[in-house]
């Protein structure tokens, strides 16, 4: 899901501009967001599946960003 990459850019825009974005091997929160988003998109029957998946992936990613900053 590209939403995770877009969120990471907008949350760390200054680091991208300065070319000081820290390299990470794996962002487990982003992976969990994509997996949970896919599960929700396939299992939840109300609304639009694609939107539901993106919302869940975004929430998971934002929780991960908040946990990592502490």
Protein backbone atom coordinates (compact mmCIF):
# COMPACT_ATOMS: atom_id res chain seq x y z
CA UNK A 1 0.00 0.00 0.00
CA UNK A 2 1.43 3.27 -1.11
CA UNK A 3 -0.41 5.13 1.64
CA UNK A 4 2.30 4.10 4.12
CA UNK A 5 5.08 5.56 1.97
CA UNK A 6 3.12 8.77 1.46
CA UNK A 7 2.43 9.11 5.19
CA UNK A 8 6.08 8.52 6.02
CA UNK A 9 7.12 11.24 3.59
CA UNK A 10 4.67 13.83 4.91
CA UNK A 11 5.46 13.03 8.55
CA UNK A 12 9.22 13.32 7.91
CA UNK A 13 9.32 15.92 5.13
CA UNK A 14 12.16 17.92 6.69
CA UNK A 15 14.35 14.82 6.99
CA UNK A 16 13.69 13.99 3.34
CA UNK A 17 14.59 17.54 2.28
CA UNK A 18 17.83 17.45 4.29
CA UNK A 19 18.58 13.91 3.10
CA UNK A 20 18.90 12.77 6.72
CA UNK A 21 16.19 10.09 6.76
CA UNK A 22 17.54 7.28 8.92
CA UNK A 23 17.90 3.97 7.12
CA UNK A 24 15.86 1.16 8.54
CA UNK A 25 16.05 -2.44 7.48
CA UNK A 26 12.39 -3.16 8.20
CA UNK A 27 9.55 -1.02 9.48
CA UNK A 28 7.46 -3.68 11.21
CA UNK A 29 4.61 -1.29 11.94
CA UNK A 30 4.24 -0.54 8.24
CA UNK A 31 4.25 -4.24 7.40
CA UNK A 32 1.66 -4.94 10.09
CA UNK A 33 -0.46 -2.09 8.74
CA UNK A 34 -0.39 -3.48 5.21
CA UNK A 35 -1.24 -7.00 6.40
CA UNK A 36 -4.03 -5.84 8.73
CA UNK A 37 -5.35 -3.51 6.04
CA UNK A 38 -5.53 -6.39 3.55
CA UNK A 39 -7.31 -8.60 6.10
CA UNK A 40 -9.85 -5.88 6.89
CA UNK A 41 -10.38 -5.09 3.21
CA UNK A 42 -11.17 -8.75 2.53
CA UNK A 43 -13.26 -9.52 5.59
CA UNK A 44 -15.24 -6.38 6.46
CA UNK A 45 -18.41 -6.22 4.37
CA UNK A 46 -19.51 -2.60 5.00
CA UNK A 47 -18.26 0.46 3.15
CA UNK A 48 -15.61 0.35 0.47
CA UNK A 49 -13.01 -2.39 1.02
CA UNK A 50 -10.11 -0.34 -0.37
CA UNK A 51 -10.88 2.62 1.89
CA UNK A 52 -11.32 0.35 4.92
CA UNK A 53 -7.93 -1.23 4.26
CA UNK A 54 -6.19 2.13 3.88
CA UNK A 55 -7.74 3.45 7.08
CA UNK A 56 -6.57 0.42 9.08
CA UNK A 57 -3.09 0.58 7.54
CA UNK A 58 -2.87 4.30 8.34
CA UNK A 59 -3.95 3.81 11.94
CA UNK A 60 -1.45 1.02 12.46
CA UNK A 61 1.36 3.09 10.91
CA UNK A 62 0.53 6.15 13.02
CA UNK A 63 0.51 4.04 16.20
CA UNK A 64 3.93 2.72 15.22
CA UNK A 65 5.26 6.23 14.63
CA UNK A 66 3.99 7.33 18.04
CA UNK A 67 5.53 4.32 19.78
CA UNK A 68 8.89 4.78 18.03
CA UNK A 69 9.13 8.46 19.01
CA UNK A 70 8.83 7.68 22.72
